[in-house]
PDB file of N, CA and C in Angstrom:
ATOM      1  N   MET A   1     -60.419 -89.651  84.018  1.00  0.00           N
ATOM      2  CA  MET A   1     -61.015 -88.719  82.931  1.00  0.00           C
ATOM      3  C   MET A   1     -59.944 -88.315  82.000  1.00  0.00           C
ATOM      4  N   GLN A   2     -60.395 -88.427  80.784  1.00  0.00           N
ATOM      5  CA  GLN A   2     -59.421 -87.986  79.709  1.00  0.00           C
ATOM      6  C   GLN A   2     -59.444 -86.349  79.400  1.00  0.00           C
ATOM      7  N   ARG A   3     -58.647 -85.631  79.262  1.00  0.00           N
ATOM      8  CA  ARG A   3     -58.523 -84.164  78.975  1.00  0.00           C
ATOM      9  C   ARG A   3     -58.697 -84.131  77.244  1.00  0.00           C
ATOM     10  N   LEU A   4     -59.332 -83.493  76.784  1.00  0.00           N
ATOM     11  CA  LEU A   4     -59.842 -83.286  75.256  1.00  0.00           C
ATOM     12  C   LEU A   4     -58.445 -82.279  74.801  1.00  0.00           C
ATOM     13  N   GLN A   5     -57.522 -82.194  73.915  1.00  0.00           N
ATOM     14  CA  GLN A   5     -56.739 -81.498  73.549  1.00  0.00           C
ATOM     15  C   GLN A   5     -57.165 -80.419  72.389  1.00  0.00           C
ATOM     16  N   LEU A   6     -57.372 -79.127  72.544  1.00  0.00           N
ATOM     17  CA  LEU A   6     -57.720 -78.063  71.536  1.00  0.00           C
ATOM     18  C   LEU A   6     -56.788 -78.124  70.154  1.00  0.00           C
ATOM     19  N   VAL A   7     -57.201 -78.396  68.937  1.00  0.00           N
ATOM     20  CA  VAL A   7     -56.332 -78.397  67.824  1.00  0.00           C
ATOM     21  C   VAL A   7     -56.713 -76.851  67.368  1.00  0.00           C
ATOM     22  N   ILE A   8     -55.508 -76.105  67.665  1.00  0.00           N
ATOM     23  CA  ILE A   8     -55.656 -74.650  66.971  1.00  0.00           C
ATOM     24  C   ILE A   8     -55.311 -74.980  65.771  1.00  0.00           C
ATOM     25  N   SER A   9     -56.305 -73.884  64.802  1.00  0.00           N
ATOM     26  CA  SER A   9     -55.961 -73.978  63.197  1.00  0.00           C
ATOM     27  C   SER A   9     -56.136 -72.333  62.796  1.00  0.00           C
ATOM     28  N   PRO A  10     -55.921 -72.265  61.637  1.00  0.00           N
ATOM     29  CA  PRO A  10     -55.954 -70.774  61.418  1.00  0.00           C
ATOM     30  C   PRO A  10     -57.471 -69.838  61.427  1.00  0.00           C
ATOM     31  N   ALA A  11     -58.691 -71.051  61.257  1.00  0.00           N
ATOM     32  CA  ALA A  11     -59.780 -70.502  61.266  1.00  0.00           C
ATOM     33  C   ALA A  11     -59.896 -69.970  62.879  1.00  0.00           C
ATOM     34  N   HIS A  12     -59.415 -70.295  63.938  1.00  0.00           N
ATOM     35  CA  HIS A  12     -59.599 -69.596  65.256  1.00  0.00           C
ATOM     36  C   HIS A  12     -58.731 -68.277  65.331  1.00  0.00           C
ATOM     37  N   PHE A  13     -58.239 -67.645  64.458  1.00  0.00           N
ATOM     38  CA  PHE A  13     -57.695 -66.312  64.422  1.00  0.00           C
ATOM     39  C   PHE A  13     -58.608 -65.672  63.717  1.00  0.00           C
ATOM     40  N   VAL A  14     -59.545 -64.779  64.851  1.00  0.00           N
ATOM     41  CA  VAL A  14     -60.526 -63.850  63.980  1.00  0.00           C
ATOM     42  C   VAL A  14     -60.538 -62.512  64.784  1.00  0.00           C
ATOM     43  N   ASP A  15     -60.708 -61.546  64.025  1.00  0.00           N
ATOM     44  CA  ASP A  15     -61.028 -60.141  64.611  1.00  0.00           C
ATOM     45  C   ASP A  15     -62.056 -60.077  65.415  1.00  0.00           C
ATOM     46  N   ARG A  16     -61.960 -58.792  65.820  1.00  0.00           N
ATOM     47  CA  ARG A  16     -63.492 -58.368  66.762  1.00  0.00           C
ATOM     48  C   ARG A  16     -64.542 -58.673  65.916  1.00  0.00           C
ATOM     49  N   PHE A  17     -64.585 -58.691  64.647  1.00  0.00           N
ATOM     50  CA  PHE A  17     -65.682 -58.466  63.849  1.00  0.00           C
ATOM     51  C   PHE A  17     -66.180 -59.980  63.378  1.00  0.00           C
ATOM     52  N   GLY A  18     -65.296 -61.030  63.894  1.00  0.00           N
ATOM     53  CA  GLY A  18     -65.565 -62.399  63.398  1.00  0.00           C
ATOM     54  C   GLY A  18     -65.065 -62.825  61.929  1.00  0.00           C
ATOM     55  N   ARG A  19     -64.256 -61.660  61.550  1.00  0.00           N
ATOM     56  CA  ARG A  19     -63.483 -62.024  60.354  1.00  0.00           C
ATOM     57  C   ARG A  19     -62.009 -62.801  60.552  1.00  0.00           C
ATOM     58  N   ARG A  20     -61.988 -63.721  59.596  1.00  0.00           N
ATOM     59  CA  ARG A  20     -60.694 -64.414  59.707  1.00  0.00           C
ATOM     60  C   ARG A  20     -59.224 -63.533  59.297  1.00  0.00           C
ATOM     61  N   VAL A  21     -58.315 -63.728  59.999  1.00  0.00           N
ATOM     62  CA  VAL A  21     -57.193 -62.973  59.817  1.00  0.00           C
ATOM     63  C   VAL A  21     -56.124 -63.696  59.438  1.00  0.00           C
ATOM     64  N   LEU A  22     -56.066 -65.100  59.207  1.00  0.00           N
ATOM     65  CA  LEU A  22     -55.150 -65.886  58.472  1.00  0.00           C
ATOM     66  C   LEU A  22     -55.866 -66.754  57.475  1.00  0.00           C
ATOM     67  N   THR A  23     -54.953 -67.053  56.420  1.00  0.00           N
ATOM     68  CA  THR A  23     -55.573 -68.381  55.138  1.00  0.00           C
ATOM     69  C   THR A  23     -55.556 -69.483  55.901  1.00  0.00           C
ATOM     70  N   ASN A  24     -55.788 -70.164  55.136  1.00  0.00           N
ATOM     71  CA  ASN A  24     -55.901 -72.000  55.480  1.00  0.00           C
ATOM     72  C   ASN A  24     -54.677 -72.489  55.891  1.00  0.00           C
ATOM     73  N   ALA A  25     -53.493 -71.729  54.846  1.00  0.00           N
ATOM     74  CA  ALA A  25     -52.092 -72.044  55.237  1.00  0.00           C
ATOM     75  C   ALA A  25     -51.212 -71.192  56.164  1.00  0.00           C
ATOM     76  N   GLY A  26     -52.222 -70.320  57.001  1.00  0.00           N
ATOM     77  CA  GLY A  26     -51.599 -69.764  58.416  1.00  0.00           C
ATOM     78  C   GLY A  26     -50.888 -68.658  57.878  1.00  0.00           C
ATOM     79  N   GLN A  27     -51.230 -68.314  56.744  1.00  0.00           N
ATOM     80  CA  GLN A  27     -50.276 -66.833  56.450  1.00  0.00           C
ATOM     81  C   GLN A  27     -51.546 -65.793  56.582  1.00  0.00           C
ATOM     82  N   PRO A  28     -50.838 -64.580  56.576  1.00  0.00           N
ATOM     83  CA  PRO A  28     -51.532 -63.172  56.767  1.00  0.00           C
ATOM     84  C   PRO A  28     -52.554 -63.210  55.691  1.00  0.00           C
ATOM     85  N   GLY A  29     -54.073 -62.932  56.157  1.00  0.00           N
ATOM     86  CA  GLY A  29     -54.966 -62.413  55.108  1.00  0.00           C
ATOM     87  C   GLY A  29     -56.126 -62.419  55.494  1.00  0.00           C
ATOM     88  N   MET A  30     -56.758 -61.312  55.240  1.00  0.00           N
ATOM     89  CA  MET A  30     -58.571 -60.769  55.520  1.00  0.00           C
ATOM     90  C   MET A  30     -59.259 -61.797  55.102  1.00  0.00           C
ATOM     91  N   ASP A  31     -60.044 -62.257  55.915  1.00  0.00           N
ATOM     92  CA  ASP A  31     -61.525 -63.499  55.222  1.00  0.00           C
ATOM     93  C   ASP A  31     -60.582 -64.600  54.822  1.00  0.00           C
ATOM     94  N   GLY A  32     -59.368 -64.611  55.383  1.00  0.00           N
ATOM     95  CA  GLY A  32     -58.951 -65.978  54.418  1.00  0.00           C
ATOM     96  C   GLY A  32     -58.346 -65.824  53.147  1.00  0.00           C
ATOM     97  N   LYS A  33     -58.076 -64.574  52.750  1.00  0.00           N
ATOM     98  CA  LYS A  33     -57.469 -64.393  51.633  1.00  0.00           C
ATOM     99  C   LYS A  33     -56.144 -63.667  51.471  1.00  0.00           C
ATOM    100  N   GLU A  34     -54.974 -64.168  51.168  1.00  0.00           N
ATOM    101  CA  GLU A  34     -53.851 -63.591  51.281  1.00  0.00           C
ATOM    102  C   GLU A  34     -53.754 -62.403  50.468  1.00  0.00           C
ATOM    103  N   GLY A  35     -52.922 -61.373  51.380  1.00  0.00           N
ATOM    104  CA  GLY A  35     -52.640 -59.848  50.262  1.00  0.00           C
ATOM    105  C   GLY A  35     -53.604 -58.959  50.703  1.00  0.00           C
ATOM    106  N   VAL A  36     -54.934 -59.212  51.381  1.00  0.00           N
ATOM    107  CA  VAL A  36     -56.313 -58.335  51.634  1.00  0.00           C
ATOM    108  C   VAL A  36     -56.020 -57.496  53.090  1.00  0.00           C
ATOM    109  N   GLY A  37     -56.631 -56.376  53.055  1.00  0.00           N
ATOM    110  CA  GLY A  37     -56.327 -55.541  54.379  1.00  0.00           C
ATOM    111  C   GLY A  37     -55.711 -54.414  54.249  1.00  0.00           C
ATOM    112  N   SER A  38     -56.004 -53.786  55.409  1.00  0.00           N
ATOM    113  CA  SER A  38     -55.565 -52.279  55.164  1.00  0.00           C
ATOM    114  C   SER A  38     -54.026 -52.225  55.880  1.00  0.00           C
ATOM    115  N   THR A  39     -53.265 -51.548  56.075  1.00  0.00           N
ATOM    116  CA  THR A  39     -51.902 -51.457  56.378  1.00  0.00           C
ATOM    117  C   THR A  39     -51.803 -51.990  57.981  1.00  0.00           C
ATOM    118  N   THR A  40     -52.830 -51.697  58.739  1.00  0.00           N
ATOM    119  CA  THR A  40     -52.447 -51.840  60.444  1.00  0.00           C
ATOM    120  C   THR A  40     -53.190 -53.347  60.430  1.00  0.00           C
ATOM    121  N   GLU A  41     -54.445 -53.667  59.677  1.00  0.00           N
ATOM    122  CA  GLU A  41     -54.598 -55.094  59.470  1.00  0.00           C
ATOM    123  C   GLU A  41     -53.795 -56.187  59.235  1.00  0.00           C
ATOM    124  N   GLU A  42     -52.788 -55.779  58.085  1.00  0.00           N
ATOM    125  CA  GLU A  42     -51.804 -56.257  57.554  1.00  0.00           C
ATOM    126  C   GLU A  42     -50.493 -56.580  58.437  1.00  0.00           C
ATOM    127  N   GLN A  43     -50.247 -55.721  59.287  1.00  0.00           N
ATOM    128  CA  GLN A  43     -49.285 -55.719  60.400  1.00  0.00           C
ATOM    129  C   GLN A  43     -49.997 -56.349  61.438  1.00  0.00           C
ATOM    130  N   ARG A  44     -51.306 -56.704  61.866  1.00  0.00           N
ATOM    131  CA  ARG A  44     -51.838 -57.543  62.870  1.00  0.00           C
ATOM    132  C   ARG A  44     -51.839 -58.765  62.558  1.00  0.00           C
ATOM    133  N   ASN A  45     -52.309 -58.957  61.053  1.00  0.00           N
ATOM    134  CA  ASN A  45     -52.257 -60.244  60.613  1.00  0.00           C
ATOM    135  C   ASN A  45     -51.085 -61.052  60.756  1.00  0.00           C
ATOM    136  N   ARG A  46     -49.635 -60.316  60.327  1.00  0.00           N
ATOM    137  CA  ARG A  46     -48.474 -61.030  60.571  1.00  0.00           C
ATOM    138  C   ARG A  46     -48.294 -61.221  62.091  1.00  0.00           C
ATOM    139  N   VAL A  47     -48.432 -60.562  62.987  1.00  0.00           N
ATOM    140  CA  VAL A  47     -48.319 -61.051  64.359  1.00  0.00           C
ATOM    141  C   VAL A  47     -49.226 -62.488  64.861  1.00  0.00           C
ATOM    142  N   ALA A  48     -50.323 -62.344  64.167  1.00  0.00           N
ATOM    143  CA  ALA A  48     -51.235 -63.302  64.258  1.00  0.00           C
ATOM    144  C   ALA A  48     -50.632 -64.649  63.677  1.00  0.00           C
ATOM    145  N   ALA A  49     -50.123 -64.689  62.211  1.00  0.00           N
ATOM    146  CA  ALA A  49     -49.150 -65.522  61.490  1.00  0.00           C
ATOM    147  C   ALA A  49     -48.097 -66.167  62.683  1.00  0.00           C
ATOM    148  N   ALA A  50     -47.306 -65.075  63.090  1.00  0.00           N
ATOM    149  CA  ALA A  50     -46.125 -65.596  63.764  1.00  0.00           C
ATOM    150  C   ALA A  50     -46.650 -66.689  64.884  1.00  0.00           C
ATOM    151  N   ILE A  51     -47.818 -66.083  65.672  1.00  0.00           N
ATOM    152  CA  ILE A  51     -48.157 -66.787  67.156  1.00  0.00           C
ATOM    153  C   ILE A  51     -48.852 -68.247  66.654  1.00  0.00           C
ATOM    154  N   TYR A  52     -49.249 -68.438  65.212  1.00  0.00           N
ATOM    155  CA  TYR A  52     -49.836 -69.571  65.116  1.00  0.00           C
ATOM    156  C   TYR A  52     -48.800 -70.582  64.613  1.00  0.00           C
ATOM    157  N   ALA A  53     -47.550 -69.846  64.034  1.00  0.00           N
ATOM    158  CA  ALA A  53     -46.352 -70.676  63.629  1.00  0.00           C
ATOM    159  C   ALA A  53     -45.535 -71.210  64.940  1.00  0.00           C
ATOM    160  N   ASN A  54     -45.524 -70.166  65.702  1.00  0.00           N
ATOM    161  CA  ASN A  54     -44.723 -70.525  66.761  1.00  0.00           C
ATOM    162  C   ASN A  54     -44.861 -70.810  68.264  1.00  0.00           C
ATOM    163  N   CYS A  55     -46.337 -70.516  68.353  1.00  0.00           N
ATOM    164  CA  CYS A  55     -46.419 -70.732  69.808  1.00  0.00           C
ATOM    165  C   CYS A  55     -46.861 -72.189  70.262  1.00  0.00           C
ATOM    166  N   GLU A  56     -47.017 -72.937  69.117  1.00  0.00           N
ATOM    167  CA  GLU A  56     -47.661 -74.168  69.971  1.00  0.00           C
ATOM    168  C   GLU A  56     -46.796 -75.165  70.916  1.00  0.00           C
ATOM    169  N   HIS A  57     -45.871 -75.144  71.002  1.00  0.00           N
ATOM    170  CA  HIS A  57     -45.187 -75.700  71.734  1.00  0.00           C
ATOM    171  C   HIS A  57     -44.243 -75.191  73.076  1.00  0.00           C
ATOM    172  N   LEU A  58     -44.927 -73.907  73.272  1.00  0.00           N
ATOM    173  CA  LEU A  58     -44.629 -73.137  74.353  1.00  0.00           C
ATOM    174  C   LEU A  58     -45.305 -73.561  75.393  1.00  0.00           C
ATOM    175  N   ASP A  59     -44.661 -73.220  76.838  1.00  0.00           N
ATOM    176  CA  ASP A  59     -45.717 -73.773  77.941  1.00  0.00           C
ATOM    177  C   ASP A  59     -46.158 -72.073  78.422  1.00  0.00           C
ATOM    178  N   ASN A  60     -47.305 -72.424  79.366  1.00  0.00           N
ATOM    179  CA  ASN A  60     -48.220 -71.300  79.692  1.00  0.00           C
ATOM    180  C   ASN A  60     -47.327 -70.267  80.190  1.00  0.00           C
ATOM    181  N   ALA A  61     -45.921 -70.509  81.085  1.00  0.00           N
ATOM    182  CA  ALA A  61     -45.534 -69.444  81.696  1.00  0.00           C
ATOM    183  C   ALA A  61     -44.585 -68.623  80.187  1.00  0.00           C
ATOM    184  N   GLN A  62     -44.076 -69.387  79.447  1.00  0.00           N
ATOM    185  CA  GLN A  62     -43.893 -68.605  78.157  1.00  0.00           C
ATOM    186  C   GLN A  62     -45.066 -67.798  77.504  1.00  0.00           C
ATOM    187  N   LEU A  63     -45.965 -68.432  77.268  1.00  0.00           N
ATOM    188  CA  LEU A  63     -47.116 -67.596  76.710  1.00  0.00           C
ATOM    189  C   LEU A  63     -47.406 -66.415  77.403  1.00  0.00           C
ATOM    190  N   ASP A  64     -47.296 -66.319  78.799  1.00  0.00           N
ATOM    191  CA  ASP A  64     -47.721 -65.582  79.544  1.00  0.00           C
ATOM    192  C   ASP A  64     -46.649 -64.109  79.379  1.00  0.00           C
ATOM    193  N   GLU A  65     -45.382 -64.596  79.292  1.00  0.00           N
ATOM    194  CA  GLU A  65     -44.269 -63.550  79.110  1.00  0.00           C
ATOM    195  C   GLU A  65     -44.884 -62.610  77.444  1.00  0.00           C
ATOM    196  N   ILE A  66     -45.245 -63.506  76.596  1.00  0.00           N
ATOM    197  CA  ILE A  66     -45.601 -62.978  75.271  1.00  0.00           C
ATOM    198  C   ILE A  66     -46.691 -61.865  75.599  1.00  0.00           C
ATOM    199  N   VAL A  67     -47.738 -62.463  76.346  1.00  0.00           N
ATOM    200  CA  VAL A  67     -48.781 -61.634  76.480  1.00  0.00           C
ATOM    201  C   VAL A  67     -48.485 -60.076  77.216  1.00  0.00           C
ATOM    202  N   ALA A  68     -47.442 -60.343  78.405  1.00  0.00           N
ATOM    203  CA  ALA A  68     -47.179 -59.158  78.873  1.00  0.00           C
ATOM    204  C   ALA A  68     -46.424 -58.271  78.086  1.00  0.00           C
ATOM    205  N   TRP A  69     -45.561 -58.539  77.397  1.00  0.00           N
ATOM    206  CA  TRP A  69     -44.890 -58.137  76.044  1.00  0.00           C
ATOM    207  C   TRP A  69     -45.628 -57.268  75.293  1.00  0.00           C
ATOM    208  N   VAL A  70     -46.878 -57.936  75.000  1.00  0.00           N
ATOM    209  CA  VAL A  70     -47.987 -57.340  73.873  1.00  0.00           C
ATOM    210  C   VAL A  70     -48.626 -56.317  74.995  1.00  0.00           C
ATOM    211  N   ARG A  71     -48.785 -56.320  75.999  1.00  0.00           N
ATOM    212  CA  ARG A  71     -49.655 -55.370  77.013  1.00  0.00           C
ATOM    213  C   ARG A  71     -48.822 -54.119  77.178  1.00  0.00           C
ATOM    214  N   LEU A  72     -47.723 -54.159  76.730  1.00  0.00           N
ATOM    215  CA  LEU A  72     -46.868 -52.737  76.832  1.00  0.00           C
ATOM    216  C   LEU A  72     -47.385 -51.743  75.860  1.00  0.00           C
ATOM    217  N   TYR A  73     -47.763 -52.348  74.784  1.00  0.00           N
ATOM    218  CA  TYR A  73     -48.380 -51.281  73.688  1.00  0.00           C
ATOM    219  C   TYR A  73     -49.910 -51.187  73.895  1.00  0.00           C
ATOM    220  N   ARG A  74     -50.391 -51.630  74.886  1.00  0.00           N
ATOM    221  CA  ARG A  74     -52.079 -51.022  74.910  1.00  0.00           C
ATOM    222  C   ARG A  74     -51.769 -49.702  75.499  1.00  0.00           C
ATOM    223  N   LYS A  75     -52.971 -48.542  75.124  1.00  0.00           N
ATOM    224  CA  LYS A  75     -52.983 -47.719  75.512  1.00  0.00           C
ATOM    225  C   LYS A  75     -53.911 -47.383  76.473  1.00  0.00           C
ATOM    226  N   LYS A  76     -53.499 -46.823  77.487  1.00  0.00           N
ATOM    227  CA  LYS A  76     -54.246 -46.396  78.792  1.00  0.00           C
ATOM    228  C   LYS A  76     -55.106 -45.356  78.701  1.00  0.00           C
TER     229      LYS A  76
END
């Protein structure tokens, strides 16, 4: 049985309201439009762009480390 590989695209990066946070080129932008968004949306979208650009070749353990670092900022 052959496993299907998910191809991750900028369209996969959506917020809790279903709005895209990256442009087609993988740059930050609300609803796929570069330069759109509030200050905190822009910050979050830059993180999404960094994830899209840098995480493709990381293994699961490395991705788990990144998730743990992000969890440090969650409010209890």
